[in-house]
């Protein structure tokens, strides 16, 4: 598939392009950017424009060099300082497509030659090297300045034969940097990953609920009405699509919160994921550059929209929502391993006595949960004062993203642990596919890749296999969603 830009890109679109899907720039859109460029230049002749006719930060009152090429390149060179490990190619491609899509929405007044350069980078796979540290949630200045240096040929790219675009003038240097494209690209990848993990988490819960013969009324459509959160009904519908009609008699009138609290907790997570996606998709398709030109009014507006408060808040909120589900996952592992609760051999061991079975999987899950919980501490409440006190706030959106990515790594392990333990419990019952829905049977067939040896052994490979199956399991949950009440 080829994506034509500009577009209202979803997080899944950004993820697809990051993995290599093709892009092309709309001819009319490029022509509009060229027209806007000339209008912005005329506006800049009538009023001072930050970063174009002035310095930046504490130098905002200082006149810029009379040589627009020297001023533009000096701005880029001085800002292109980053540190730490480089980002992978997917994150870098995500950054490039976000910046390209943003710039194709008029407002920056940028020279369209930068549009052409970004498009060629994506098409050819000639990527800049972008490193971890440099952004504080007030635009990814270091990453984009370094990208600009790669566009002009002062820094290398990963591909062969990239044709530099030539020097960048003052009219385009700051506008190109004035974006959180790196953070937005990474956030899109994280959000798409979380959506799949949430679906896989629904499947893992379904395995656990079937193994525990849990009381399904706690996660029914009627219970969703009581939960009340915006995605509760959808979450219940997705789970109903997996479980179908309840095929077992509930063992208990009321289960522990590990089962009874699944619908409230997962609904908060899916709501947070939805809100995060909405913020990303809006900002990916917006012109946020400071200053922003309004050609019809003939003005350049100086603003603080580049402070990514909204994005930072949603990243923090999503990490908190993820943490709220984690203790329930560990709780279900503990209950399934407990013979007094499950009626199965303790630790799902094939022989009674000293066999440890899946006991240590609880420890692995708890270790991973520690990462999820640690990543839930919000950072968007913090700030920093820089540039002689002029830049007096920061959202730390890149740090909030890094925390969420850390939480996702831990949560993926927890989901894999629940899949391994719950599937083993169903196998021990000896009738894993008897009396359960066709959708659950399909999920169990996917899980057939897990080894069937129930003896005490090294379970590292089992966890690795379960983690690799998460994408397929998520797709199966998505395909089996029950229709909403009243749907035809």
Protein backbone atom coordinates (compact mmCIF):
# COMPACT_ATOMS: atom_id res chain seq x y z
CA UNK A 1 0.00 0.00 0.00
CA UNK A 2 1.15 3.54 -0.78
CA UNK A 3 0.09 6.37 1.51
CA UNK A 4 -0.57 9.72 -0.15
CA UNK A 5 0.28 12.66 2.09
CA UNK A 6 -1.03 14.78 3.66
CA UNK A 7 -3.55 12.55 5.37
CA UNK A 8 -5.25 12.04 8.71
CA UNK A 9 -2.75 9.34 9.64
CA UNK A 10 -3.77 6.86 12.32
CA UNK A 11 -1.27 5.34 14.71
CA UNK A 12 -1.53 2.14 12.67
CA UNK A 13 -0.77 4.06 9.47
CA UNK A 14 2.35 5.53 11.06
CA UNK A 15 3.36 2.06 12.24
CA UNK A 16 2.87 0.60 8.76
CA UNK A 17 5.02 3.32 7.16
CA UNK A 18 7.63 2.88 9.89
CA UNK A 19 7.83 -0.79 8.90
CA UNK A 20 8.38 0.11 5.26
CA UNK A 21 5.06 0.99 3.58
CA UNK A 22 5.49 3.46 0.72
CA UNK A 23 4.58 7.15 0.76
CA UNK A 24 4.21 9.86 -1.83
CA UNK A 25 3.44 13.56 -1.59
CA UNK A 26 0.32 14.88 -3.27
CA UNK A 27 1.20 17.23 -6.12
CA UNK A 28 -1.52 19.79 -5.25
CA UNK A 29 -0.46 19.73 -1.59
CA UNK A 30 3.15 20.46 -2.51
CA UNK A 31 2.03 23.30 -4.77
CA UNK A 32 0.02 24.77 -1.90
CA UNK A 33 3.08 24.64 0.36
CA UNK A 34 5.13 26.45 -2.30
CA UNK A 35 2.49 29.15 -2.56
CA UNK A 36 2.40 29.47 1.23
CA UNK A 37 6.19 29.77 1.31
CA UNK A 38 6.09 32.85 -0.89
CA UNK A 39 3.27 34.39 1.13
CA UNK A 40 5.16 33.76 4.38
CA UNK A 41 8.20 35.52 2.95
CA UNK A 42 6.05 38.56 2.16
CA UNK A 43 4.63 38.57 5.69
CA UNK A 44 8.16 38.34 7.14
CA UNK A 45 9.06 41.52 5.28
CA UNK A 46 6.36 43.40 7.21
CA UNK A 47 6.93 42.15 10.79
CA UNK A 48 9.69 40.61 12.91
CA UNK A 49 9.60 36.82 12.85
CA UNK A 50 11.17 34.81 15.64
CA UNK A 51 14.07 32.66 14.47
CA UNK A 52 14.03 34.19 11.01
CA UNK A 53 14.86 37.83 11.64
CA UNK A 54 15.90 37.24 15.27
CA UNK A 55 17.88 34.78 17.32
CA UNK A 56 16.13 32.14 19.45
CA UNK A 57 15.67 31.52 23.18
CA UNK A 58 17.42 34.18 25.24
CA UNK A 59 18.66 35.68 21.92
CA UNK A 60 15.12 36.45 20.79
CA UNK A 61 15.77 40.20 20.91
CA UNK A 62 18.99 39.99 18.93
CA UNK A 63 18.90 40.66 15.20
CA UNK A 64 19.78 37.72 13.00
CA UNK A 65 22.70 37.69 10.60
CA UNK A 66 22.00 39.53 7.39
CA UNK A 67 23.06 36.39 5.52
CA UNK A 68 19.96 34.12 5.60
CA UNK A 69 21.98 31.03 4.66
CA UNK A 70 24.54 31.61 7.41
CA UNK A 71 21.82 32.25 10.00
CA UNK A 72 19.77 29.21 8.99
CA UNK A 73 22.71 26.80 8.95
CA UNK A 74 24.10 28.20 12.22
CA UNK A 75 20.76 27.58 13.91
CA UNK A 76 20.71 23.99 12.70
CA UNK A 77 24.33 23.24 13.57
CA UNK A 78 24.04 24.69 17.05
CA UNK A 79 20.86 22.76 17.82
CA UNK A 80 21.89 19.38 16.34
CA UNK A 81 23.33 18.04 19.59
CA UNK A 82 21.97 14.76 20.88
CA UNK A 83 23.43 11.92 22.93
CA UNK A 84 22.91 8.34 23.99
CA UNK A 85 22.02 5.29 21.91
CA UNK A 86 20.58 5.79 18.41
CA UNK A 87 16.94 5.03 17.71
CA UNK A 88 16.08 2.11 15.48
CA UNK A 89 15.05 2.56 11.85
CA UNK A 90 11.33 2.14 12.57
CA UNK A 91 11.31 4.99 15.06
CA UNK A 92 13.33 7.16 12.70
CA UNK A 93 10.98 6.46 9.79
CA UNK A 94 8.02 7.24 12.06
CA UNK A 95 9.61 10.60 12.89
CA UNK A 96 10.18 11.39 9.22
CA UNK A 97 6.65 10.59 8.10
CA UNK A 98 5.14 12.55 10.98
CA UNK A 99 7.23 15.60 10.12
CA UNK A 100 6.45 15.29 6.43
CA UNK A 101 2.73 15.00 7.07
CA UNK A 102 2.76 17.97 9.45
CA UNK A 103 4.65 20.19 7.02
CA UNK A 104 2.13 19.42 4.29
CA UNK A 105 -0.49 21.22 6.39
CA UNK A 106 0.14 24.92 5.61
CA UNK A 107 1.36 27.13 8.41
CA UNK A 108 5.11 26.69 8.69
CA UNK A 109 5.98 28.83 5.67
CA UNK A 110 8.75 26.36 4.89
CA UNK A 111 10.64 26.01 1.62
CA UNK A 112 9.10 23.02 -0.24
CA UNK A 113 12.58 21.70 -1.02
CA UNK A 114 12.54 20.24 2.51
CA UNK A 115 9.32 18.45 1.66
CA UNK A 116 11.09 16.90 -1.33
CA UNK A 117 14.06 15.87 0.79
CA UNK A 118 11.95 14.15 3.46
CA UNK A 119 9.99 12.30 0.79
CA UNK A 120 13.23 11.07 -0.82
CA UNK A 121 14.57 9.94 2.54
CA UNK A 122 11.50 7.79 3.12
CA UNK A 123 11.36 6.41 -0.41
CA UNK A 124 15.07 5.57 -0.58
CA UNK A 125 15.48 4.41 3.01
CA UNK A 126 18.33 6.88 3.50
CA UNK A 127 17.83 7.66 7.17
CA UNK A 128 19.62 10.04 9.54
CA UNK A 129 21.01 8.81 12.84
CA UNK A 130 18.92 10.19 15.71
CA UNK A 131 19.93 9.64 19.33
CA UNK A 132 17.94 9.25 22.53
CA UNK A 133 18.66 12.39 24.57
CA UNK A 134 17.92 15.95 23.52
CA UNK A 135 14.16 16.57 23.74
CA UNK A 136 12.24 17.81 26.79
CA UNK A 137 8.77 18.12 25.30
CA UNK A 138 9.22 21.57 23.79
CA UNK A 139 9.81 20.29 20.24
CA UNK A 140 12.40 17.67 19.28
CA UNK A 141 14.93 20.31 18.31
CA UNK A 142 18.07 18.17 18.44
CA UNK A 143 16.61 15.28 16.46
CA UNK A 144 15.18 17.48 13.72
CA UNK A 145 18.22 19.76 13.50
CA UNK A 146 20.35 16.64 13.03
CA UNK A 147 17.92 15.41 10.39
CA UNK A 148 18.23 18.75 8.61
CA UNK A 149 22.03 18.39 8.59
CA UNK A 150 21.59 14.99 6.98
CA UNK A 151 19.26 16.54 4.39
CA UNK A 152 21.90 19.10 3.44
CA UNK A 153 24.71 16.52 3.38
CA UNK A 154 26.62 17.54 6.53
CA UNK A 155 25.72 14.30 8.30
CA UNK A 156 25.63 10.85 6.71
CA UNK A 157 22.50 8.82 6.03
CA UNK A 158 22.07 5.07 6.26
CA UNK A 159 21.42 4.62 2.54
CA UNK A 160 23.67 5.04 -0.45
CA UNK A 161 23.45 7.92 -2.88
CA UNK A 162 21.12 10.32 -1.06
CA UNK A 163 21.18 13.62 -2.94
CA UNK A 164 21.50 16.57 -0.53
CA UNK A 165 19.02 19.41 -0.84
CA UNK A 166 21.58 22.20 -0.38
CA UNK A 167 21.82 24.79 2.41
CA UNK A 168 18.72 25.63 4.44
CA UNK A 169 17.96 29.32 4.82
CA UNK A 170 16.70 31.19 7.87
CA UNK A 171 13.16 31.08 6.48
CA UNK A 172 13.08 27.30 6.96
CA UNK A 173 15.59 26.35 9.68
CA UNK A 174 13.51 27.00 12.78
CA UNK A 175 10.22 25.96 11.16
CA UNK A 176 11.72 22.57 10.30
CA UNK A 177 12.87 22.03 13.91
CA UNK A 178 9.67 23.33 15.47
CA UNK A 179 7.93 19.99 15.98
CA UNK A 180 7.76 17.00 18.33
CA UNK A 181 7.80 14.61 15.38
CA UNK A 182 10.22 12.16 17.02
CA UNK A 183 8.10 11.86 20.15
CA UNK A 184 4.88 11.67 18.14
CA UNK A 185 6.30 8.98 15.87
CA UNK A 186 7.46 6.91 18.82
CA UNK A 187 4.13 7.45 20.58
CA UNK A 188 2.26 6.20 17.51
CA UNK A 189 4.33 3.01 17.51
CA UNK A 190 3.74 2.56 21.25
CA UNK A 191 -0.01 3.16 20.91
CA UNK A 192 -0.35 0.65 18.06
CA UNK A 193 1.62 -1.89 20.09
CA UNK A 194 -0.53 -1.30 23.16
CA UNK A 195 -3.73 -1.84 21.18
CA UNK A 196 -2.47 -5.30 20.17
CA UNK A 197 -1.31 -6.09 23.70
CA UNK A 198 -4.73 -5.14 25.08
CA UNK A 199 -6.42 -7.54 22.65
CA UNK A 200 -3.96 -10.29 23.57
CA UNK A 201 -4.68 -9.48 27.23
CA UNK A 202 -8.38 -10.12 26.58
CA UNK A 203 -7.50 -13.54 25.14
CA UNK A 204 -5.22 -14.35 28.09
CA UNK A 205 -8.02 -13.40 30.47
CA UNK A 206 -10.45 -15.60 28.54
CA UNK A 207 -8.07 -18.56 28.98
CA UNK A 208 -7.82 -17.82 32.71
CA UNK A 209 -11.56 -17.32 33.15
CA UNK A 210 -12.29 -20.64 31.41
CA UNK A 211 -9.68 -22.46 33.48
CA UNK A 212 -11.04 -20.98 36.74
CA UNK A 213 -14.70 -21.44 35.74
CA UNK A 214 -15.13 -17.80 36.69
CA UNK A 215 -18.53 -16.20 37.07
CA UNK A 216 -19.04 -14.56 33.68
CA UNK A 217 -21.67 -12.12 34.95
CA UNK A 218 -18.81 -9.89 36.17
CA UNK A 219 -17.70 -9.20 32.62
CA UNK A 220 -21.05 -9.31 30.84
CA UNK A 221 -22.70 -6.57 28.79
CA UNK A 222 -24.90 -5.83 31.80
CA UNK A 223 -21.86 -5.41 34.03
CA UNK A 224 -20.42 -3.00 31.46
CA UNK A 225 -23.41 -0.72 32.03
CA UNK A 226 -22.48 -0.57 35.70
CA UNK A 227 -18.82 0.09 34.93
CA UNK A 228 -19.84 3.10 32.89
CA UNK A 229 -16.49 3.99 31.29
CA UNK A 230 -16.61 4.94 27.60
CA UNK A 231 -15.12 1.68 26.34
CA UNK A 232 -16.67 -0.75 28.86
CA UNK A 233 -19.35 -1.98 26.45
CA UNK A 234 -16.79 -2.47 23.67
CA UNK A 235 -14.46 -4.36 26.01
CA UNK A 236 -17.28 -6.64 27.14
CA UNK A 237 -18.25 -7.17 23.50
CA UNK A 238 -14.72 -8.19 22.53
CA UNK A 239 -14.55 -10.63 25.42
CA UNK A 240 -18.01 -12.03 24.57
CA UNK A 241 -16.79 -12.60 21.03
CA UNK A 242 -14.05 -14.83 22.42
CA UNK A 243 -16.04 -16.65 25.10
CA UNK A 244 -19.39 -16.92 23.31
CA UNK A 245 -22.20 -18.26 25.45
CA UNK A 246 -20.90 -19.27 28.87
CA UNK A 247 -20.38 -23.04 28.65
CA UNK A 248 -19.53 -23.74 32.27
CA UNK A 249 -21.24 -23.44 35.62
CA UNK A 250 -19.61 -20.74 37.69
CA UNK A 251 -17.79 -22.20 40.69
CA UNK A 252 -18.30 -19.08 42.82
CA UNK A 253 -21.04 -16.50 43.11
CA UNK A 254 -18.32 -13.86 43.32
CA UNK A 255 -14.72 -14.25 42.22
CA UNK A 256 -11.64 -12.40 43.49
CA UNK A 257 -10.92 -9.01 41.96
CA UNK A 258 -8.38 -10.64 39.60
CA UNK A 259 -11.43 -11.85 37.65
CA UNK A 260 -14.24 -9.58 38.86
CA UNK A 261 -12.17 -6.42 38.33
CA UNK A 262 -11.02 -7.25 34.80
CA UNK A 263 -13.75 -5.29 33.01
CA UNK A 264 -13.30 -2.02 34.99
CA UNK A 265 -9.51 -2.12 34.73
CA UNK A 266 -9.32 -3.13 31.07
CA UNK A 267 -11.94 -0.53 30.15
CA UNK A 268 -9.78 2.20 31.70
CA UNK A 269 -6.80 0.92 29.71
CA UNK A 270 -8.68 0.83 26.43
CA UNK A 271 -10.12 4.31 27.09
CA UNK A 272 -6.62 5.63 27.79
CA UNK A 273 -5.30 3.99 24.63
CA UNK A 274 -8.10 5.55 22.61
CA UNK A 275 -7.44 9.01 24.04
CA UNK A 276 -3.71 8.67 23.43
CA UNK A 277 -4.39 7.67 19.83
CA UNK A 278 -6.68 10.67 19.32
CA UNK A 279 -4.05 13.09 20.63
CA UNK A 280 -1.34 11.58 18.41
CA UNK A 281 -3.50 11.52 15.30
CA UNK A 282 -4.54 15.15 15.80
CA UNK A 283 -1.00 16.41 16.32
CA UNK A 284 0.41 14.35 13.44
CA UNK A 285 -2.00 16.18 11.14
CA UNK A 286 -1.53 19.68 12.54
CA UNK A 287 0.69 22.66 11.86
CA UNK A 288 2.21 23.52 15.25
CA UNK A 289 5.27 25.47 14.15
CA UNK A 290 6.27 28.58 16.08
CA UNK A 291 5.67 31.08 14.62
CA UNK A 292 2.73 29.93 12.52
CA UNK A 293 1.84 31.89 9.41
CA UNK A 294 -1.76 32.72 8.49
CA UNK A 295 -1.63 33.80 4.87
CA UNK A 296 -5.20 35.07 4.61
CA UNK A 297 -4.78 37.35 7.62
CA UNK A 298 -1.25 38.30 6.57
CA UNK A 299 0.24 37.60 10.01
CA UNK A 300 2.72 35.38 11.79
CA UNK A 301 1.50 34.24 15.21
CA UNK A 302 4.03 33.52 17.95
CA UNK A 303 2.74 30.96 20.43
CA UNK A 304 3.58 28.12 22.83
CA UNK A 305 1.68 25.28 21.17
CA UNK A 306 4.92 23.34 20.82
CA UNK A 307 4.68 22.59 24.55
CA UNK A 308 3.26 19.07 24.24
CA UNK A 309 1.13 19.18 27.40
CA UNK A 310 -1.71 17.18 25.87
CA UNK A 311 0.54 14.42 24.56
CA UNK A 312 2.57 14.22 27.77
CA UNK A 313 -0.60 13.96 29.86
CA UNK A 314 -2.04 11.15 27.74
CA UNK A 315 1.26 9.24 27.79
CA UNK A 316 1.39 9.47 31.58
CA UNK A 317 -2.28 8.56 31.93
CA UNK A 318 -1.85 5.50 29.71
CA UNK A 319 1.10 4.26 31.76
CA UNK A 320 -1.02 4.62 34.91
CA UNK A 321 -3.92 2.72 33.32
CA UNK A 322 -1.54 -0.05 32.30
CA UNK A 323 -0.28 -0.33 35.88
CA UNK A 324 -3.84 -0.69 37.17
CA UNK A 325 -4.29 -3.87 35.14
CA UNK A 326 -0.94 -5.42 36.05
CA UNK A 327 -1.70 -6.57 39.60
CA UNK A 328 -4.82 -8.36 38.32
CA UNK A 329 -2.73 -10.34 35.83
CA UNK A 330 -0.40 -11.45 38.62
CA UNK A 331 -3.41 -12.25 40.79
CA UNK A 332 -4.83 -14.63 38.20
CA UNK A 333 -1.51 -16.46 37.94
CA UNK A 334 -1.44 -16.82 41.71
CA UNK A 335 -4.99 -18.18 41.87
CA UNK A 336 -4.52 -20.67 39.02
CA UNK A 337 -1.34 -21.95 40.69
CA UNK A 338 -3.21 -22.38 43.99
CA UNK A 339 -4.77 -25.84 44.20
CA UNK A 340 -7.26 -24.66 46.83
CA UNK A 341 -8.70 -22.17 44.33
CA UNK A 342 -8.33 -23.92 40.99
CA UNK A 343 -8.89 -27.55 41.97
CA UNK A 344 -5.87 -28.38 39.84
CA UNK A 345 -2.49 -29.66 41.05
CA UNK A 346 -0.54 -26.98 42.91
CA UNK A 347 1.62 -24.97 40.48
CA UNK A 348 0.02 -27.02 37.67
CA UNK A 349 2.58 -29.73 38.28
CA UNK A 350 1.82 -33.15 36.79
CA UNK A 351 2.84 -34.97 39.95
CA UNK A 352 1.86 -34.02 43.53
CA UNK A 353 4.64 -33.36 45.97
CA UNK A 354 7.78 -31.34 45.37
CA UNK A 355 7.28 -30.43 41.70
CA UNK A 356 7.39 -26.66 41.13
CA UNK A 357 5.58 -26.58 37.78
CA UNK A 358 4.73 -23.00 36.88
CA UNK A 359 5.56 -21.50 40.27
CA UNK A 360 8.52 -19.50 38.97
CA UNK A 361 6.38 -17.99 36.20
CA UNK A 362 4.68 -16.00 38.97
CA UNK A 363 8.08 -14.56 39.87
CA UNK A 364 8.83 -13.65 36.28
CA UNK A 365 5.47 -11.91 36.01
CA UNK A 366 6.04 -10.08 39.30
CA UNK A 367 9.45 -8.94 38.09
CA UNK A 368 7.90 -7.59 34.90
CA UNK A 369 5.11 -5.97 36.93
CA UNK A 370 7.75 -4.05 38.86
CA UNK A 371 8.75 -2.38 35.61
CA UNK A 372 5.13 -1.57 34.78
CA UNK A 373 4.54 -0.05 38.21
CA UNK A 374 7.80 1.92 38.22
CA UNK A 375 6.91 3.40 34.82
CA UNK A 376 3.56 4.69 36.14
CA UNK A 377 5.09 7.61 38.04
CA UNK A 378 4.06 10.72 36.04
CA UNK A 379 6.70 13.08 34.68
CA UNK A 380 4.45 15.65 33.02
CA UNK A 381 4.09 17.39 36.39
CA UNK A 382 7.80 18.27 36.34
CA UNK A 383 9.51 21.13 34.54
CA UNK A 384 12.86 22.68 33.69
CA UNK A 385 14.06 26.26 33.21
CA UNK A 386 16.60 26.78 30.43
CA UNK A 387 18.10 29.41 28.12
CA UNK A 388 18.85 32.09 30.71
CA UNK A 389 15.38 31.61 32.18
CA UNK A 390 13.49 32.42 28.98
CA UNK A 391 12.50 28.83 28.22
CA UNK A 392 10.79 28.37 31.58
CA UNK A 393 8.71 25.24 31.18
CA UNK A 394 9.00 21.67 29.86
CA UNK A 395 6.51 18.82 29.54
CA UNK A 396 9.05 15.97 29.32
CA UNK A 397 6.85 14.21 26.78
CA UNK A 398 9.84 12.20 25.45
CA UNK A 399 10.48 10.89 28.97
CA UNK A 400 6.79 10.04 29.38
CA UNK A 401 7.03 8.08 26.13
CA UNK A 402 10.16 6.27 27.29
CA UNK A 403 8.35 5.25 30.48
CA UNK A 404 5.38 3.93 28.55
CA UNK A 405 7.65 1.91 26.26
CA UNK A 406 9.33 0.43 29.34
CA UNK A 407 5.89 -0.45 30.74
CA UNK A 408 4.89 -2.12 27.46
CA UNK A 409 7.97 -4.32 27.58
CA UNK A 410 6.99 -5.49 31.06
CA UNK A 411 3.31 -5.88 30.22
CA UNK A 412 4.09 -8.01 27.19
CA UNK A 413 5.97 -10.43 29.43
CA UNK A 414 3.05 -10.50 31.87
CA UNK A 415 0.59 -11.33 29.08
CA UNK A 416 2.92 -14.07 27.84
CA UNK A 417 3.11 -15.48 31.38
CA UNK A 418 -0.69 -15.60 31.68
CA UNK A 419 -1.03 -17.31 28.31
CA UNK A 420 1.49 -20.01 29.29
CA UNK A 421 -0.08 -20.70 32.70
CA UNK A 422 -3.74 -20.51 31.66
CA UNK A 423 -3.25 -22.72 28.59
CA UNK A 424 -1.41 -25.26 30.75
CA UNK A 425 -4.32 -25.21 33.21
CA UNK A 426 -6.82 -25.89 30.43
CA UNK A 427 -4.69 -28.76 29.15
CA UNK A 428 -4.51 -30.26 32.65
CA UNK A 429 -8.28 -30.22 32.83
CA UNK A 430 -8.19 -32.63 29.92
CA UNK A 431 -10.98 -31.01 27.96
CA UNK A 432 -9.54 -27.73 26.78
CA UNK A 433 -11.77 -27.52 23.72
CA UNK A 434 -14.91 -29.16 25.12
CA UNK A 435 -17.85 -26.88 25.71
CA UNK A 436 -16.06 -23.66 24.80
CA UNK A 437 -16.71 -21.25 21.95
CA UNK A 438 -15.35 -21.63 18.43
CA UNK A 439 -13.38 -18.42 18.89
CA UNK A 440 -11.73 -19.76 22.04
CA UNK A 441 -10.95 -22.99 20.21
CA UNK A 442 -9.21 -20.95 17.49
CA UNK A 443 -7.16 -19.16 20.11
CA UNK A 444 -6.22 -22.47 21.70
CA UNK A 445 -5.18 -23.76 18.29
CA UNK A 446 -2.82 -20.79 17.97
CA UNK A 447 -1.51 -21.65 21.44
CA UNK A 448 -0.83 -25.24 20.29
CA UNK A 449 2.64 -23.99 19.42
CA UNK A 450 3.37 -24.04 23.13
CA UNK A 451 5.11 -27.29 24.21
CA UNK A 452 2.75 -29.85 25.78
CA UNK A 453 5.29 -31.34 28.20
CA UNK A 454 3.85 -30.67 31.68
CA UNK A 455 6.89 -31.90 33.56
CA UNK A 456 9.30 -29.72 35.54
CA UNK A 457 11.50 -28.14 32.90
CA UNK A 458 12.96 -24.89 31.62
CA UNK A 459 10.00 -22.68 30.62
CA UNK A 460 12.01 -19.87 29.03
CA UNK A 461 11.15 -21.08 25.53
CA UNK A 462 7.45 -21.27 26.43
CA UNK A 463 7.44 -17.60 27.39
CA UNK A 464 9.31 -16.66 24.22
CA UNK A 465 6.82 -18.58 22.08
CA UNK A 466 3.86 -16.98 23.86
CA UNK A 467 5.34 -13.51 23.29
CA UNK A 468 5.78 -14.27 19.57
CA UNK A 469 2.13 -15.40 19.37
CA UNK A 470 0.73 -12.15 20.78
CA UNK A 471 0.23 -10.55 17.37
CA UNK A 472 -1.69 -13.55 15.99
CA UNK A 473 -3.74 -13.84 19.17
CA UNK A 474 -4.61 -10.14 19.03
CA UNK A 475 -5.72 -10.49 15.40
CA UNK A 476 -7.93 -13.44 16.34
CA UNK A 477 -9.59 -11.44 19.13
CA UNK A 478 -10.20 -8.58 16.75
CA UNK A 479 -11.77 -10.92 14.19
CA UNK A 480 -14.09 -12.55 16.72
CA UNK A 481 -15.59 -9.42 18.28
CA UNK A 482 -19.28 -9.86 18.97
CA UNK A 483 -21.61 -7.33 17.33
CA UNK A 484 -22.81 -4.54 19.57
CA UNK A 485 -26.41 -4.80 20.81
CA UNK A 486 -28.80 -3.69 18.08
CA UNK A 487 -26.17 -4.03 15.30
CA UNK A 488 -27.16 -5.72 12.04
